[in-house]
Protein backbone atom coordinates (compact mmCIF):
# COMPACT_ATOMS: atom_id res chain seq x y z
CA MET A 1 -24.99 -32.78 40.95
CA LYS A 2 -24.95 -34.78 37.99
CA PHE A 3 -28.21 -32.24 36.92
CA TYR A 4 -25.78 -29.20 37.90
CA PHE A 5 -23.17 -30.24 35.38
CA LEU A 6 -25.29 -31.66 32.94
CA LEU A 7 -27.23 -27.55 32.67
CA LEU A 8 -23.63 -26.13 33.06
CA SER A 9 -22.97 -27.95 29.63
CA LEU A 10 -25.75 -27.16 27.90
CA VAL A 11 -25.28 -23.40 28.55
CA LEU A 12 -21.58 -24.01 27.63
CA TYR A 13 -22.41 -25.55 24.92
CA ALA A 14 -25.41 -22.64 24.02
CA ALA A 15 -22.83 -20.03 24.64
CA LEU A 16 -20.04 -21.76 21.88
CA SER A 17 -22.80 -22.39 19.30
CA ASN A 18 -23.78 -19.30 19.55
CA GLY A 19 -20.39 -17.30 19.11
CA GLN A 20 -19.63 -19.69 16.48
CA SER A 21 -22.96 -18.53 15.04
CA ILE A 22 -22.07 -15.24 14.96
CA GLN A 23 -18.49 -16.17 13.71
CA ASN A 24 -20.27 -17.01 10.84
CA LYS A 25 -22.61 -13.97 10.22
CA TRP A 26 -19.60 -11.88 10.32
CA GLU A 27 -17.02 -14.19 7.95
CA LYS A 28 -20.46 -14.46 5.27
CA LYS A 29 -21.14 -10.74 5.49
CA ALA A 30 -17.45 -9.90 5.12
CA GLN A 31 -17.52 -12.24 2.27
CA LYS A 32 -20.24 -10.20 0.64
CA LEU A 33 -18.94 -6.87 1.08
CA ALA A 34 -15.70 -7.74 0.03
CA GLN A 35 -17.54 -9.16 -3.60
CA LYS A 36 -20.02 -6.31 -3.59
CA PHE A 37 -17.85 -3.10 -2.87
CA ILE A 38 -14.85 -1.75 -5.10
CA ILE A 39 -11.49 -2.22 -3.12
CA VAL A 40 -8.97 -0.30 -4.19
CA ASP A 41 -5.63 -0.67 -2.66
CA GLY A 42 -3.12 2.18 -2.78
CA HIS A 43 0.26 0.47 -3.36
CA VAL A 44 1.14 -2.74 -4.62
CA ASP A 45 4.32 -3.72 -6.14
CA LEU A 46 4.09 -6.03 -8.84
CA PRO A 47 5.96 -4.35 -11.76
CA TYR A 48 9.07 -4.20 -10.28
CA ARG A 49 8.75 -7.74 -8.93
CA LEU A 50 8.01 -9.16 -12.31
CA LYS A 51 10.67 -6.75 -13.59
CA VAL A 52 13.26 -8.83 -10.93
CA THR A 53 12.25 -11.63 -12.03
CA ASN A 54 12.87 -11.22 -15.70
CA PHE A 55 9.70 -10.98 -16.26
CA ARG A 56 8.75 -10.71 -20.42
CA LEU A 57 6.95 -8.52 -23.11
CA GLN A 58 5.88 -11.99 -24.64
CA LYS A 59 2.56 -14.03 -24.80
CA GLU A 60 4.04 -16.94 -23.26
CA TYR A 61 5.00 -15.38 -20.03
CA LEU A 62 1.79 -13.77 -19.55
CA GLY A 63 0.60 -16.60 -17.45
CA ILE A 64 2.69 -14.88 -13.99
CA PRO A 65 0.21 -12.20 -13.34
CA TYR A 66 -3.20 -13.90 -13.66
CA LYS A 67 -2.08 -16.96 -11.55
CA THR A 68 1.17 -17.57 -9.50
CA ASP A 69 2.77 -19.56 -7.15
CA THR A 70 4.70 -16.88 -6.07
CA GLY A 71 4.28 -12.97 -4.80
CA ASP A 72 1.25 -11.80 -2.81
CA PHE A 73 -1.04 -10.61 -6.15
CA ASP A 74 -2.46 -12.26 -8.92
CA PHE A 75 -6.12 -12.18 -10.92
CA VAL A 76 -7.17 -15.30 -9.20
CA ARG A 77 -6.32 -14.49 -5.75
CA ALA A 78 -7.38 -10.67 -6.35
CA LYS A 79 -11.14 -11.57 -7.32
CA GLU A 80 -11.11 -13.93 -4.97
CA GLY A 81 -10.30 -11.53 -2.45
CA GLY A 82 -12.61 -8.58 -3.66
CA LEU A 83 -9.45 -6.61 -5.31
CA ASP A 84 -11.06 -4.57 -8.21
CA ALA A 85 -7.65 -1.71 -8.11
CA PRO A 86 -4.85 -1.98 -6.66
CA PHE A 87 -2.41 0.89 -7.77
CA MET A 88 0.61 -0.50 -9.47
CA SER A 89 3.87 0.68 -8.34
CA ILE A 90 6.24 2.29 -10.83
CA TYR A 91 9.00 1.94 -8.19
CA ILE A 92 12.07 3.90 -8.97
CA PRO A 93 15.09 2.84 -6.61
CA SER A 94 17.18 5.86 -4.97
CA LYS A 95 20.23 4.96 -6.56
CA LEU A 96 19.09 5.71 -9.99
CA GLN A 97 18.71 9.49 -8.57
CA VAL A 98 22.67 9.15 -8.76
CA GLU A 99 23.38 6.62 -11.47
CA GLY A 100 20.57 8.41 -14.16
CA GLY A 101 17.76 5.90 -15.76
CA ALA A 102 15.31 6.83 -13.86
CA LYS A 103 12.48 8.09 -16.50
CA GLU A 104 13.73 4.92 -18.63
CA LEU A 105 12.95 2.83 -15.90
CA ALA A 106 9.35 4.16 -15.61
CA ASP A 107 8.41 4.37 -18.90
CA SER A 108 9.90 0.67 -19.29
CA LEU A 109 7.38 -0.88 -16.00
CA ILE A 110 4.42 1.53 -17.56
CA ASN A 111 5.35 -0.31 -20.78
CA MET A 112 4.72 -3.87 -18.83
CA VAL A 113 1.36 -2.90 -17.24
CA GLU A 114 0.25 -1.57 -20.41
CA TYR A 115 1.48 -4.80 -21.56
CA ILE A 116 -0.39 -7.09 -19.46
CA ALA A 117 -3.73 -5.18 -19.44
CA LYS A 118 -3.76 -5.21 -23.31
CA HIS A 119 -2.69 -9.26 -23.66
CA GLN A 120 -4.67 -10.17 -20.71
CA SER A 121 -7.79 -7.43 -21.71
CA ALA A 122 -10.55 -10.64 -20.33
CA TYR A 123 -9.14 -10.09 -16.75
CA PHE A 124 -6.93 -6.60 -16.76
CA GLN A 125 -7.77 -2.65 -17.94
CA MET A 126 -5.97 0.31 -17.74
CA ALA A 127 -7.66 2.82 -14.99
CA TYR A 128 -6.89 6.45 -15.29
CA SER A 129 -9.87 7.49 -13.16
CA PRO A 130 -12.50 6.15 -10.42
CA LYS A 131 -14.63 5.62 -13.56
CA ASP A 132 -12.40 3.42 -14.88
CA VAL A 133 -12.13 1.27 -11.97
CA MET A 134 -16.48 1.12 -11.87
CA ARG A 135 -16.59 0.02 -15.09
CA ALA A 136 -13.72 -2.64 -14.82
CA LYS A 137 -15.75 -4.12 -12.09
CA LYS A 138 -19.00 -4.48 -14.04
CA GLN A 139 -17.09 -5.92 -16.21
CA GLY A 140 -15.43 -8.53 -13.94
CA LYS A 141 -12.31 -7.46 -14.51
CA VAL A 142 -9.44 -5.96 -12.02
CA ALA A 143 -8.51 -2.15 -13.36
CA LEU A 144 -4.60 -1.08 -13.13
CA PRO A 145 -4.24 2.27 -11.72
CA MET A 146 -0.43 3.13 -11.22
CA GLY A 147 1.47 5.36 -9.13
CA MET A 148 4.91 6.56 -9.78
CA GLU A 149 6.66 6.05 -6.50
CA ASN A 150 9.89 8.24 -6.56
CA GLY A 151 10.00 11.46 -7.91
CA ALA A 152 13.17 10.74 -9.57
CA PRO A 153 12.06 10.71 -13.04
CA VAL A 154 10.81 13.91 -12.76
CA GLU A 155 13.08 15.93 -10.53
CA HIS A 156 15.35 17.41 -13.54
CA ASP A 157 11.97 18.11 -16.35
CA LEU A 158 8.51 19.57 -15.05
CA SER A 159 7.30 18.62 -18.23
CA LEU A 160 7.75 15.06 -17.67
CA ILE A 161 5.09 15.22 -14.98
CA PRO A 162 2.18 16.38 -17.78
CA TYR A 163 4.02 13.28 -20.24
CA PHE A 164 3.81 11.07 -17.03
CA LYS A 165 0.22 11.94 -17.07
CA LYS A 166 -0.44 11.22 -20.05
CA ARG A 167 1.15 7.76 -19.89
CA GLY A 168 -0.98 6.81 -16.93
CA ILE A 169 0.47 8.06 -13.75
CA SER A 170 -2.32 9.17 -11.01
CA TYR A 171 -0.06 9.44 -8.49
CA ILE A 172 3.62 10.53 -7.70
CA THR A 173 5.32 9.67 -4.76
CA LEU A 174 7.46 12.78 -3.92
CA THR A 175 10.88 10.55 -3.05
CA HIS A 176 11.91 7.22 -1.33
CA ALA A 177 14.72 6.17 0.64
CA LYS A 178 17.16 9.42 -0.21
CA ASP A 179 16.63 13.01 -1.03
CA ASN A 180 16.22 13.62 -4.12
CA LYS A 181 15.86 17.02 -6.36
CA ILE A 182 12.29 17.41 -4.93
CA CYS A 183 12.24 17.03 -1.51
CA ASP A 184 13.82 15.12 1.93
CA SER A 185 13.04 11.96 2.73
CA SER A 186 12.14 10.36 6.22
CA TYR A 187 14.60 7.50 6.15
CA ASP A 188 17.61 9.30 4.71
CA THR A 189 18.84 12.04 7.81
CA THR A 190 20.93 13.93 5.46
CA ARG A 191 18.41 17.15 5.22
CA THR A 192 19.45 18.13 1.70
CA TRP A 193 16.53 21.25 2.20
CA ASN A 194 15.06 20.64 5.21
CA GLY A 195 11.70 20.37 3.21
CA LEU A 196 10.83 20.77 -0.12
CA SER A 197 13.30 22.14 -2.16
CA ALA A 198 12.77 25.26 -4.27
CA TYR A 199 12.10 23.04 -7.73
CA GLY A 200 9.91 21.08 -5.44
CA TYR A 201 7.29 23.73 -4.86
CA LYS A 202 7.38 23.62 -8.60
CA VAL A 203 6.80 19.92 -9.25
CA LEU A 204 3.60 20.41 -6.44
CA ASP A 205 2.26 23.28 -8.70
CA GLU A 206 2.47 20.99 -12.22
CA MET A 207 1.12 17.98 -10.36
CA ILE A 208 -1.59 20.15 -9.20
CA PHE A 209 -2.28 21.82 -12.46
CA SER A 210 -1.84 18.39 -14.53
CA GLY A 211 -4.37 16.42 -12.22
CA ILE A 212 -2.11 14.05 -10.51
CA MET A 213 -2.44 13.08 -6.77
CA ILE A 214 0.95 13.86 -4.51
CA ASP A 215 1.72 11.13 -2.16
CA ILE A 216 3.32 12.05 0.65
CA SER A 217 4.63 8.59 1.80
CA HIS A 218 8.21 8.63 2.08
CA VAL A 219 8.97 12.06 2.88
CA SER A 220 10.40 13.82 5.72
CA ASP A 221 8.20 15.48 8.85
CA SER A 222 9.65 19.20 7.41
CA THR A 223 8.04 17.71 3.95
CA PHE A 224 5.14 16.42 5.10
CA TYR A 225 4.69 19.78 6.88
CA GLN A 226 5.59 21.97 3.55
CA THR A 227 3.81 20.23 1.39
CA LEU A 228 0.38 20.24 3.49
CA ARG A 229 0.57 24.32 4.25
CA TYR A 230 1.50 25.10 0.50
CA VAL A 231 -0.94 23.15 -1.45
CA ARG A 232 -4.96 23.45 -1.55
CA VAL A 233 -6.01 20.10 -2.93
CA PRO A 234 -6.30 17.22 -0.99
CA VAL A 235 -3.43 14.76 -0.60
CA ILE A 236 -2.85 10.79 -0.27
CA ALA A 237 -0.38 8.94 2.11
CA SER A 238 -0.63 5.84 -0.73
CA HIS A 239 1.43 3.31 2.04
CA SER A 240 1.84 4.36 5.66
CA SER A 241 0.69 3.83 9.37
CA CYS A 242 0.16 5.57 12.52
CA ARG A 243 3.36 6.01 14.51
CA LYS A 244 1.63 6.02 17.45
CA PHE A 245 1.92 2.19 17.08
CA THR A 246 6.25 2.44 15.68
CA PRO A 247 7.37 5.64 18.03
CA GLY A 248 10.41 7.15 16.47
CA PHE A 249 9.48 5.69 12.81
CA GLU A 250 9.26 8.82 10.76
CA ARG A 251 8.29 6.81 8.30
CA ASN A 252 4.68 6.28 9.68
CA MET A 253 1.99 10.02 10.41
CA SER A 254 2.15 11.05 13.39
CA ASP A 255 -1.34 12.29 15.32
CA ASP A 256 -0.88 16.06 14.16
CA MET A 257 0.05 14.69 10.83
CA ILE A 258 -3.56 12.72 10.92
CA ARG A 259 -4.94 15.61 12.00
CA MET A 260 -3.73 17.71 9.38
CA ILE A 261 -5.04 15.14 6.54
CA LYS A 262 -8.17 15.25 7.87
CA ALA A 263 -8.00 19.18 7.66
CA ASN A 264 -6.92 18.55 3.97
CA ASP A 265 -9.56 16.26 3.04
CA GLY A 266 -6.79 13.84 2.43
CA VAL A 267 -6.56 10.11 3.08
CA ILE A 268 -4.03 8.00 5.15
CA MET A 269 -3.71 4.12 3.26
CA VAL A 270 -2.88 1.68 5.77
CA ASN A 271 0.69 -0.10 5.60
CA PHE A 272 0.33 -3.99 6.03
CA GLY A 273 4.34 -4.67 6.79
CA SER A 274 4.52 -5.83 10.77
CA THR A 275 7.27 -3.06 10.68
CA PHE A 276 4.50 -0.46 9.89
CA LEU A 277 2.37 -1.67 12.37
CA ASP A 278 4.16 -2.79 15.56
CA SER A 279 7.24 -1.80 16.91
CA GLU A 280 7.84 -4.54 19.11
CA VAL A 281 8.26 -7.21 16.40
CA GLY A 282 10.33 -4.83 14.49
CA LYS A 283 12.78 -4.97 17.05
CA HIS A 284 12.55 -8.98 17.75
CA ASN A 285 12.98 -8.91 14.24
CA ASP A 286 15.65 -6.66 13.80
CA SER A 287 17.48 -8.60 16.69
CA LEU A 288 17.11 -12.19 15.11
CA ARG A 289 19.00 -10.61 11.83
CA THR A 290 21.49 -9.44 13.99
CA VAL A 291 22.64 -12.64 15.17
CA LEU A 292 22.44 -14.09 12.16
CA ASN A 293 24.56 -11.91 10.41
CA GLN A 294 27.43 -12.29 12.93
CA TYR A 295 27.06 -15.81 13.10
CA LEU A 296 27.51 -15.62 8.92
CA GLU A 297 30.33 -13.23 9.52
CA GLU A 298 32.30 -15.46 12.31
CA LYS A 299 32.01 -18.42 10.11
CA GLY A 300 32.85 -17.05 7.02
CA ILE A 301 29.70 -18.08 5.06
CA LYS A 302 29.06 -15.98 2.33
CA GLU A 303 25.75 -14.51 1.24
CA ASN A 304 23.80 -15.79 -1.58
CA THR A 305 25.55 -19.77 -1.66
CA ASP A 306 23.69 -22.82 -0.60
CA GLU A 307 25.33 -23.08 2.85
CA ALA A 308 24.13 -19.49 3.63
CA ALA A 309 20.59 -20.47 2.59
CA GLN A 310 20.56 -23.68 4.49
CA LEU A 311 21.70 -22.08 8.03
CA LYS A 312 18.87 -19.35 7.64
CA LEU A 313 16.52 -22.42 7.15
CA ASP A 314 17.83 -23.90 10.57
CA PHE A 315 18.37 -20.88 11.78
CA SER A 316 14.34 -19.66 10.79
CA LYS A 317 13.05 -22.76 12.17
CA GLU A 318 14.55 -22.72 15.86
CA HIS A 319 14.17 -18.51 15.90
CA PRO A 320 11.05 -17.80 14.17
CA THR A 321 9.97 -14.41 12.67
CA LEU A 322 7.63 -12.37 14.28
CA PHE A 323 4.15 -10.95 12.42
CA ALA A 324 1.61 -8.66 14.04
CA ASP A 325 -2.02 -9.88 12.41
CA VAL A 326 -4.95 -8.72 11.13
CA TYR A 327 -6.42 -7.23 14.22
CA LYS A 328 -3.24 -4.69 14.88
CA VAL A 329 -3.82 -3.27 10.95
CA ALA A 330 -7.61 -2.67 12.33
CA ASP A 331 -6.00 -0.74 15.30
CA HIS A 332 -4.51 1.82 12.83
CA ILE A 333 -7.62 2.25 11.38
CA ASP A 334 -9.10 2.46 14.69
CA HIS A 335 -6.68 5.40 15.07
CA ILE A 336 -7.01 7.24 12.57
CA VAL A 337 -10.86 6.97 12.71
CA ARG A 338 -10.07 8.41 16.30
CA LEU A 339 -8.61 11.07 15.00
CA ALA A 340 -9.66 12.27 11.96
CA GLY A 341 -13.13 10.15 11.06
CA VAL A 342 -14.35 7.75 8.88
CA ASN A 343 -13.57 9.61 6.01
CA HIS A 344 -9.88 9.74 5.63
CA VAL A 345 -8.45 6.10 5.86
CA GLY A 346 -8.17 3.22 3.13
CA PHE A 347 -5.74 0.45 2.31
CA GLY A 348 -2.11 0.57 1.35
CA SER A 349 -1.19 -2.95 1.61
CA ASP A 350 2.31 -2.79 0.14
CA TYR A 351 1.84 -6.21 -1.45
CA ASP A 352 4.65 -7.64 -3.48
CA GLY A 353 6.69 -4.76 -1.69
CA VAL A 354 7.01 -5.53 2.06
CA GLY A 355 8.66 -9.26 1.52
CA ASP A 356 8.13 -11.77 3.91
CA SER A 357 6.71 -9.38 6.75
CA LEU A 358 3.17 -9.59 5.94
CA PRO A 359 0.59 -9.83 9.15
CA THR A 360 -1.46 -12.75 9.67
CA GLY A 361 -4.91 -12.90 8.37
CA LEU A 362 -3.51 -10.11 5.64
CA LYS A 363 -0.60 -12.39 3.92
CA ASP A 364 -1.83 -12.25 -0.03
CA VAL A 365 -4.68 -10.26 -2.11
CA ARG A 366 -6.89 -12.79 -1.14
CA ASP A 367 -7.40 -11.88 2.67
CA TYR A 368 -9.39 -8.52 2.22
CA PRO A 369 -11.98 -10.19 3.44
CA ASN A 370 -10.62 -10.80 6.53
CA LEU A 371 -9.94 -7.77 7.49
CA VAL A 372 -13.54 -6.37 6.51
CA LYS A 373 -14.76 -9.05 9.02
CA VAL A 374 -12.60 -7.98 12.20
CA LEU A 375 -14.16 -4.04 11.02
CA LEU A 376 -17.01 -5.41 11.42
CA GLU A 377 -16.71 -7.36 14.91
CA ARG A 378 -15.56 -3.85 15.86
CA GLY A 379 -18.87 -1.80 15.32
CA TYR A 380 -18.19 0.09 11.77
CA SER A 381 -21.09 0.16 9.62
CA SER A 382 -21.68 -1.26 5.75
CA LYS A 383 -21.24 2.44 5.02
CA ASP A 384 -17.88 2.97 7.13
CA ILE A 385 -16.36 0.12 5.38
CA LYS A 386 -17.10 0.86 1.65
CA LYS A 387 -15.75 4.06 2.67
CA MET A 388 -12.50 2.55 3.66
CA CYS A 389 -12.73 0.38 0.52
CA SER A 390 -12.58 2.72 -2.07
CA GLY A 391 -15.08 5.99 -1.32
CA ASN A 392 -12.45 7.82 0.56
CA ILE A 393 -9.84 7.57 -2.35
CA PHE A 394 -12.17 8.14 -4.99
CA ARG A 395 -12.56 11.26 -3.44
CA VAL A 396 -9.27 12.60 -3.51
CA TRP A 397 -8.53 11.01 -6.98
CA ASN A 398 -12.26 13.18 -8.41
CA LYS A 399 -11.29 16.26 -6.51
CA VAL A 400 -7.92 16.05 -7.88
CA LEU A 401 -8.62 15.20 -11.47
CA LYS A 402 -11.56 18.00 -11.47
CA ASN A 403 -9.07 20.60 -10.38
CA GLY A 404 -6.63 19.80 -12.75
CA SER A 405 -8.81 19.95 -15.82
CA THR A 406 -10.45 23.38 -14.18
CA LEU A 407 -6.90 24.79 -14.47
CA GLU A 408 -6.69 23.67 -17.38
CA ASN A 409 -9.22 25.18 -19.04
CA LYS A 410 -8.29 28.93 -17.27
CA ILE A 411 -5.67 28.98 -19.60
C-alpha cells in the first residue's frame, strides 16, 4: 500500500512538474515574441487623460508620459510589455458637436503629442506610416501614430480632412457617442440619418483621397453597412469586440459584420474593456452602480464629496466589481479568426479610455505578453501572432496610404 501511494505521489509530482515546465515555456516564449514583434495598439487614450489632469506643455511636466503611477500607459511600462506603437486617440467629446470647439481641441491634443515626441525624443517618435513605426522600433523608441476619435472636427469643412492628414492623423472614427453631421452613432437612438448623411459620403471620399483610414468603431449598424458597401479600401474597427459575447450591444461587431470586414480586407482590433467582452460582467456591475446611486440619493449624499468617496470605497469592499480576464479577450480573437481568419484581427485595448474595467491579466500596457501566452497555449503560431500584433493593421494602413497617393498623382 505504501509503495502504491509513493508511486502515485511520484506520478502526480511528475505531472505537475511537467505542467509547470510547459507554462514556463509559454511564458518565456511570449515574453520573447512580445519584444521581438512590433506590437501596435489601435486605441490608447493618453492625450485626453493628460488634458483632464492639466498636463502642461512645459519641460518640467514631461515626466508624466515617461513614467507614472497613474493611468494605463507610459514609456517604461510600454517597453516592458513590448508595445511599440500605441495609436494616440485624439478624442473629441460629442458635446463639442453642439457647443463648438472640436477643431480647436483636436489641434491642442495633436500639439500635446507632438510636444511630447519632440521634447522626449530619446523615448518617443511621431509616426505617420508603418515605416515610421519600424524605424522607431529599431531605435528603441515608442512610436506615436494618431487617430481622431470622432469626426466632429471635420464635419463642417471637407478641407479639414487633408489638413488633419498633414497634422499626422492616420485614421478618423466617423463619430462617437452621438449622431453627428457625418453619420449615426451606435450609442444614439435618434437615427438622424439612418446611416450616413449625404455629407458623410463626401467625407468618406475625401478620407480615401487623403489616405486616411476609415474607422467604423462607434458607428450604427446602418452606417457600418452603408460604409462597407460604398468604399473600395479596407477599413478598421480600431477598438471593437464581438457582439456574440455581448448580445444587443451595437457598439460591438456582429458575426455578419465580421464576415463583411473579411470581404473588405479590413481588420477588427479587439477592445479590452470588460463591458465589451462579457455581457454578464456588465450586467452585474451596472446593478451594483444602480444600488449605490440609489443609496446615495436616499441618504442625500452629493457626488464628488469626501463622504460619497468613503461610502463608495466601503461599498466596493463589500460588493466587488467583476472583471473579464485575458482568456475572454482570447475568446473574442478566436471568434474573429473562426469567422474571418487570422488576417483580420488585432489589438485595440482602449487603455486610458475604459476606466476601471480592464480585464484581469491585461490591466495596463505591461501585460501584452499575457495575451500572447494565452494565444500560444491555444495553438496560434508565431506567424499568426505577428499578424495580430501588427501585420494586419500594417497591411490596411499601407493599402490606404498607397491608394491615397495613387489618387493624388492622377490629378
